[in-house]
Amino acid sequence: METSDRSPMKLRPHISETVWGGTRLVEHYGVDAQGRANAAEAWVLSAHPKGCSAVETGPFAGLTLAQLFDERPDLFGTHCAGSDRFPVIVKLIDAKEDLSLQVHPRDGDEVLQLGEAGKTECWFILEAPPGAKLYMGLSEAITRTQFAAAIENKTIMGYVQAFEVEEGDFFFIPAGTLHAIGKGVLLAEVQQSSDTTYRVYDYNRLQGGQPRELHIEQAQAVADLLPYEPPRQKWGLFGTKKLCECEWFTVEERDARFSFSDEADGESFMHLLILEADDGAKLEWEDEAMPIRKGDSILIPAGAGKFSVDGDVRALVTYV
């Protein structure tokens, strides 16, 4: 196997336009909106059929991530061996307006359609104006009957906890947790590779003159109706910090004034989402180098070996 087969590669995201999306991903992270009116979500690492990243650099340029995963599973490591589903999605999300209150199923829930997966996720706050909020979990236990009545009466938000947030906050949201991203928040999300969302409440918002679809029956089947206090962490000053480790993914922060080094072994690929980068920042491996900038999505294949990031760089690193 030639070393070049395992060179790091930049990815082009899939862009999603929504009724609540803004333009900060274009303005602040250099994302190409690809002709859309807004860039609500950039799926910077995804092989999901509803939104797939594409390889921009290296020997596999032009392939989608799904094609690469199918054709070269060895590039993704032993932890992905035998799986027919790429395990994670990493997104940038710009909430110009409040997102709907929603809930995701767990793997194996009976309401899931064939081929669908559950969706546990985590959020890292990148921008948040004063008073911006996330909504996560219930403040008190309620019954299924109370839950159904609160949805019918449009009072469900009264049971959901609101948390004021700021840049650097990190939250873990297990599947089954009612949640919503509040107006003004821009965040990075790491999640299971699933697009299964059950919408519970949408502020009576219209799309194309019609109310957006709700998924009440499915939500009632999967929502956790006990109080939940979401684990909350803060971005560290410098160095490496493990933010979460679960069955489906591990997320770490990297914050370096000059450089950081790591190694991609044979167990898993590594994904770098560059959140800050000064002029001249670069990724180096063997005798090669790649310039990097804020907003870059970089896939480092399993077995690529040692690499370093030089410059004043902040990055979110994901592996399985």
Protein backbone atom coordinates (compact mmCIF):
# COMPACT_ATOMS: atom_id res chain seq x y z
CA MET A 1 0.00 0.00 0.00
CA GLU A 2 1.46 3.36 -1.00
CA THR A 3 1.69 5.94 1.73
CA SER A 4 -0.12 8.47 -0.48
CA ASP A 5 -3.26 6.34 -0.19
CA ARG A 6 -3.44 7.42 3.42
CA SER A 7 -2.71 11.11 2.97
CA PRO A 8 -5.04 13.50 4.83
CA MET A 9 -7.76 14.91 2.60
CA LYS A 10 -10.00 17.94 2.71
CA LEU A 11 -13.75 17.42 2.42
CA ARG A 12 -16.43 19.61 0.85
CA PRO A 13 -19.60 19.72 2.99
CA HIS A 14 -23.20 19.08 2.03
CA ILE A 15 -25.20 22.28 2.61
CA SER A 16 -28.75 22.26 3.98
CA GLU A 17 -31.10 25.25 3.63
CA THR A 18 -33.97 25.60 6.16
CA VAL A 19 -36.61 28.06 7.36
CA TRP A 20 -34.50 28.81 10.47
CA GLY A 21 -31.03 28.98 8.91
CA GLY A 22 -28.64 31.92 8.70
CA THR A 23 -25.57 32.95 6.73
CA ARG A 24 -22.81 32.96 9.37
CA LEU A 25 -21.31 29.71 8.11
CA VAL A 26 -20.60 31.54 4.86
CA GLU A 27 -19.49 34.76 6.51
CA HIS A 28 -17.48 33.37 9.44
CA TYR A 29 -16.35 29.89 8.30
CA GLY A 30 -15.89 30.29 4.57
CA VAL A 31 -18.57 27.73 3.71
CA ASP A 32 -19.81 27.78 0.11
CA ALA A 33 -23.62 28.01 0.23
CA GLN A 34 -23.69 26.38 -3.22
CA GLY A 35 -26.44 28.68 -4.50
CA ARG A 36 -28.77 28.29 -1.52
CA ALA A 37 -30.48 31.21 0.21
CA ASN A 38 -28.92 30.23 3.52
CA ALA A 39 -26.52 27.70 4.92
CA ALA A 40 -28.37 26.42 7.97
CA GLU A 41 -26.24 23.28 8.20
CA ALA A 42 -22.92 22.22 6.72
CA TRP A 43 -22.49 18.45 6.95
CA VAL A 44 -18.70 18.57 7.02
CA LEU A 45 -18.26 14.83 7.62
CA SER A 46 -21.08 12.66 6.35
CA ALA A 47 -21.72 9.61 4.22
CA HIS A 48 -25.46 9.74 4.84
CA PRO A 49 -27.69 9.43 1.74
CA LYS A 50 -29.57 12.63 2.69
CA GLY A 51 -26.36 14.65 2.73
CA CYS A 52 -22.91 13.43 1.74
CA SER A 53 -19.52 15.14 2.01
CA ALA A 54 -17.15 14.93 -0.96
CA VAL A 55 -13.38 14.53 -1.16
CA GLU A 56 -11.66 17.66 -2.51
CA THR A 57 -7.94 16.83 -2.33
CA GLY A 58 -5.61 13.88 -2.73
CA PRO A 59 -5.85 10.68 -4.78
CA PHE A 60 -9.57 10.22 -4.05
CA ALA A 61 -10.66 13.74 -5.05
CA GLY A 62 -14.08 13.67 -6.69
CA LEU A 63 -15.44 10.73 -4.71
CA THR A 64 -18.18 11.17 -2.16
CA LEU A 65 -17.40 10.00 1.35
CA ALA A 66 -19.97 7.23 0.87
CA GLN A 67 -18.17 6.01 -2.24
CA LEU A 68 -14.82 6.12 -0.47
CA PHE A 69 -16.23 4.18 2.49
CA ASP A 70 -17.59 1.52 0.15
CA GLU A 71 -14.51 1.24 -2.05
CA ARG A 72 -11.78 1.62 0.55
CA PRO A 73 -13.08 0.47 3.97
CA ASP A 74 -9.46 -0.09 5.07
CA LEU A 75 -9.02 3.69 5.25
CA PHE A 76 -11.51 3.92 8.11
CA GLY A 77 -10.01 1.45 10.57
CA THR A 78 -10.81 -1.76 12.35
CA HIS A 79 -13.51 -0.09 14.48
CA CYS A 80 -15.52 0.39 11.28
CA ALA A 81 -14.76 -3.05 9.84
CA GLY A 82 -17.81 -5.01 8.75
CA SER A 83 -20.18 -2.05 9.06
CA ASP A 84 -22.33 -1.01 6.11
CA ARG A 85 -22.91 2.43 7.67
CA PHE A 86 -20.33 5.18 8.16
CA PRO A 87 -20.69 5.78 11.91
CA VAL A 88 -20.90 9.55 12.42
CA ILE A 89 -21.94 12.91 11.06
CA VAL A 90 -20.18 16.14 11.99
CA LYS A 91 -22.08 19.36 11.28
CA LEU A 92 -21.86 23.11 11.63
CA ILE A 93 -25.30 24.56 12.48
CA ASP A 94 -26.35 28.23 12.30
CA ALA A 95 -29.66 28.91 14.06
CA LYS A 96 -30.85 32.34 12.92
CA GLU A 97 -34.19 31.44 14.50
CA ASP A 98 -35.28 28.88 17.10
CA LEU A 99 -35.17 25.28 15.93
CA SER A 100 -38.16 23.05 16.60
CA LEU A 101 -38.45 21.10 19.84
CA GLN A 102 -37.60 17.56 18.80
CA VAL A 103 -36.45 14.15 19.94
CA HIS A 104 -34.40 11.37 18.35
CA PRO A 105 -34.91 7.62 18.73
CA ARG A 106 -32.43 5.10 20.11
CA ASP A 107 -31.01 2.22 18.10
CA GLY A 108 -33.57 -0.56 18.09
CA ASP A 109 -36.65 1.53 18.92
CA GLU A 110 -39.72 -0.07 17.37
CA VAL A 111 -40.78 3.12 15.57
CA LEU A 112 -37.61 3.15 13.47
CA GLN A 113 -38.05 2.32 9.81
CA LEU A 114 -35.91 -0.40 8.24
CA GLY A 115 -32.35 0.84 7.80
CA GLU A 116 -32.71 3.80 10.16
CA ALA A 117 -30.48 4.32 13.20
CA GLY A 118 -30.83 6.12 16.49
CA LYS A 119 -29.30 9.53 17.05
CA THR A 120 -27.26 10.40 20.10
CA GLU A 121 -25.40 13.68 19.64
CA CYS A 122 -23.31 16.37 21.28
CA TRP A 123 -23.03 20.13 20.81
CA PHE A 124 -20.07 22.48 21.02
CA ILE A 125 -21.04 26.17 21.13
CA LEU A 126 -19.04 28.37 18.74
CA GLU A 127 -21.04 31.60 18.85
CA ALA A 128 -23.87 32.74 21.11
CA PRO A 129 -25.14 36.27 21.74
CA PRO A 130 -25.96 37.28 25.34
CA GLY A 131 -29.04 35.43 26.56
CA ALA A 132 -28.90 32.74 23.85
CA LYS A 133 -30.37 29.43 24.96
CA LEU A 134 -30.37 25.70 24.40
CA TYR A 135 -33.34 23.60 25.45
CA MET A 136 -32.57 20.12 26.81
CA GLY A 137 -34.55 17.63 28.86
CA LEU A 138 -37.42 18.04 31.28
CA SER A 139 -37.40 19.97 34.53
CA GLU A 140 -39.74 17.40 36.13
CA ALA A 141 -41.06 13.93 35.44
CA ILE A 142 -44.33 13.79 33.52
CA THR A 143 -46.57 10.97 32.36
CA ARG A 144 -47.27 10.01 28.77
CA THR A 145 -50.77 11.45 29.23
CA GLN A 146 -49.35 14.77 30.43
CA PHE A 147 -46.89 14.76 27.55
CA ALA A 148 -49.65 14.22 24.99
CA ALA A 149 -51.81 16.95 26.55
CA ALA A 150 -48.92 19.44 26.64
CA ILE A 151 -48.26 18.85 22.94
CA GLU A 152 -51.95 19.21 22.10
CA ASN A 153 -52.27 22.41 24.17
CA LYS A 154 -48.93 23.78 22.88
CA THR A 155 -47.60 24.12 26.43
CA ILE A 156 -44.80 21.56 26.14
CA MET A 157 -42.05 24.21 26.24
CA GLY A 158 -43.09 24.94 29.81
CA TYR A 159 -41.74 21.53 30.84
CA VAL A 160 -38.44 21.78 28.96
CA GLN A 161 -35.32 23.18 30.62
CA ALA A 162 -33.65 26.25 29.11
CA PHE A 163 -29.92 26.88 29.56
CA GLU A 164 -28.20 30.14 28.75
CA VAL A 165 -25.01 29.32 26.85
CA GLU A 166 -21.83 30.97 25.69
CA GLU A 167 -18.91 30.19 23.43
CA GLY A 168 -16.99 27.12 24.61
CA ASP A 169 -19.89 25.28 26.27
CA PHE A 170 -20.18 21.58 25.42
CA PHE A 171 -23.25 19.37 25.97
CA PHE A 172 -23.97 15.67 25.46
CA ILE A 173 -27.54 14.80 24.39
CA PRO A 174 -28.50 11.11 24.52
CA ALA A 175 -31.17 9.82 22.16
CA GLY A 176 -34.59 10.19 23.75
CA THR A 177 -33.87 13.67 25.16
CA LEU A 178 -36.23 16.48 24.15
CA HIS A 179 -34.10 19.35 22.85
CA ALA A 180 -33.91 22.45 20.67
CA ILE A 181 -31.26 24.94 19.58
CA GLY A 182 -32.21 28.52 20.38
CA LYS A 183 -32.07 31.61 18.20
CA GLY A 184 -28.61 33.04 17.64
CA VAL A 185 -26.60 29.92 18.50
CA LEU A 186 -23.94 28.65 16.11
CA LEU A 187 -22.52 25.27 17.03
CA ALA A 188 -20.67 22.17 15.92
CA GLU A 189 -22.55 18.90 16.29
CA VAL A 190 -21.20 15.34 16.35
CA GLN A 191 -23.85 12.65 16.08
CA GLN A 192 -24.64 9.12 15.06
CA SER A 193 -25.09 8.78 11.31
CA SER A 194 -28.84 9.28 11.26
CA ASP A 195 -31.30 11.89 10.03
CA THR A 196 -34.25 10.54 12.01
CA THR A 197 -35.89 13.42 13.87
CA TYR A 198 -39.33 13.54 15.47
CA ARG A 199 -40.59 17.13 15.62
CA VAL A 200 -42.75 17.89 18.68
CA TYR A 201 -43.37 21.64 18.56
CA ASP A 202 -42.47 24.27 15.94
CA TYR A 203 -43.88 27.58 17.26
CA ASN A 204 -46.77 27.40 14.75
CA ARG A 205 -44.26 28.18 12.00
CA LEU A 206 -45.31 27.88 8.36
CA GLN A 207 -43.33 26.53 5.42
CA GLY A 208 -44.80 27.08 1.98
CA GLY A 209 -47.94 28.37 3.66
CA GLN A 210 -48.46 25.16 5.62
CA PRO A 211 -47.49 24.16 9.17
CA ARG A 212 -44.34 22.05 9.29
CA GLU A 213 -45.01 18.38 9.89
CA LEU A 214 -45.00 17.15 13.49
CA HIS A 215 -44.29 13.56 14.53
CA ILE A 216 -46.34 13.24 17.70
CA GLU A 217 -46.93 9.49 17.74
CA GLN A 218 -43.26 8.67 17.20
CA ALA A 219 -42.14 11.26 19.76
CA GLN A 220 -44.46 9.83 22.38
CA ALA A 221 -42.95 6.40 21.77
CA VAL A 222 -39.30 7.42 22.25
CA ALA A 223 -39.14 10.53 24.48
CA ASP A 224 -37.55 10.18 27.90
CA LEU A 225 -40.00 11.85 30.32
CA LEU A 226 -37.74 11.97 33.38
CA PRO A 227 -35.75 15.03 34.52
CA TYR A 228 -32.38 15.37 32.81
CA GLU A 229 -29.37 17.45 33.78
CA PRO A 230 -27.14 17.51 30.69
CA PRO A 231 -23.40 17.16 31.32
CA ARG A 232 -21.82 20.56 30.64
CA GLN A 233 -18.16 21.20 29.96
CA LYS A 234 -16.11 24.21 28.94
CA TRP A 235 -13.46 24.53 26.25
CA GLY A 236 -10.05 24.36 27.91
CA LEU A 237 -7.33 26.96 27.61
CA PHE A 238 -4.62 25.02 25.76
CA GLY A 239 -3.76 21.41 25.07
CA THR A 240 -5.97 18.36 24.62
CA LYS A 241 -9.23 17.62 26.42
CA LYS A 242 -11.59 14.68 25.89
CA LEU A 243 -15.08 16.14 25.75
CA CYS A 244 -17.06 12.92 25.40
CA GLU A 245 -16.60 9.22 24.76
CA CYS A 246 -19.59 7.04 24.00
CA GLU A 247 -20.45 3.87 22.10
CA TRP A 248 -20.58 5.67 18.75
CA PHE A 249 -17.88 8.36 18.83
CA THR A 250 -15.20 10.18 20.81
CA VAL A 251 -14.79 13.94 20.63
CA GLU A 252 -11.72 15.85 21.77
CA GLU A 253 -10.63 19.47 21.71
CA ARG A 254 -7.26 20.67 20.53
CA ASP A 255 -6.15 24.19 21.36
CA ALA A 256 -2.57 25.07 20.48
CA ARG A 257 -0.62 28.30 20.28
CA PHE A 258 2.12 26.86 18.11
CA SER A 259 1.47 23.22 17.20
CA PHE A 260 0.07 19.89 18.25
CA SER A 261 0.95 16.39 17.14
CA ASP A 262 -1.04 13.17 17.00
CA GLU A 263 -1.09 9.79 15.29
CA ALA A 264 -3.80 8.02 13.32
CA ASP A 265 -3.48 4.33 14.11
CA GLY A 266 -5.16 1.41 12.40
CA GLU A 267 -8.23 1.42 14.66
CA SER A 268 -9.98 4.55 13.43
CA PHE A 269 -9.90 7.47 11.04
CA MET A 270 -9.60 10.93 12.61
CA HIS A 271 -11.59 14.00 11.60
CA LEU A 272 -10.39 17.54 12.23
CA LEU A 273 -12.84 20.43 12.10
CA ILE A 274 -10.75 23.60 12.14
CA LEU A 275 -12.46 26.22 14.31
CA GLU A 276 -9.67 28.81 14.33
CA ALA A 277 -6.45 29.08 12.32
CA ASP A 278 -3.99 31.90 11.87
CA ASP A 279 -2.35 32.83 8.59
CA GLY A 280 0.22 30.22 7.65
CA ALA A 281 -1.34 27.40 9.67
CA LYS A 282 -0.72 24.00 8.12
CA LEU A 283 -1.10 20.26 8.58
CA GLU A 284 2.13 18.29 8.06
CA TRP A 285 2.78 14.57 7.63
CA GLU A 286 5.87 12.75 6.38
CA ASP A 287 7.38 15.17 3.81
CA GLU A 288 4.07 16.75 2.81
CA ALA A 289 2.09 19.75 4.03
CA MET A 290 -1.43 21.15 3.59
CA PRO A 291 -2.44 24.76 4.34
CA ILE A 292 -5.46 24.95 6.64
CA ARG A 293 -7.94 27.67 7.48
CA LYS A 294 -10.96 28.23 9.67
CA GLY A 295 -13.87 26.00 8.60
CA ASP A 296 -11.75 23.28 6.98
CA SER A 297 -12.92 19.67 7.31
CA ILE A 298 -10.02 17.22 7.17
CA LEU A 299 -10.22 13.44 7.11
CA ILE A 300 -7.09 11.58 8.24
CA PRO A 301 -7.30 7.92 7.21
CA ALA A 302 -6.71 5.12 9.69
CA GLY A 303 -3.08 4.07 9.63
CA ALA A 304 -1.87 7.42 8.28
CA GLY A 305 0.59 7.60 11.16
CA LYS A 306 2.03 10.71 12.76
CA PHE A 307 0.95 14.19 11.77
CA SER A 308 1.23 17.69 13.22
CA VAL A 309 -0.75 20.91 13.04
CA ASP A 310 1.39 24.04 13.09
CA GLY A 311 0.02 27.46 13.94
CA ASP A 312 -2.40 29.09 16.34
CA VAL A 313 -5.17 26.56 15.81
CA ARG A 314 -8.34 25.38 17.52
CA ALA A 315 -9.81 22.11 16.29
CA LEU A 316 -12.53 19.64 17.16
CA VAL A 317 -11.28 16.07 16.67
CA THR A 318 -13.64 13.12 16.19
CA TYR A 319 -12.88 9.40 15.93
CA VAL A 320 -14.59 6.10 16.70
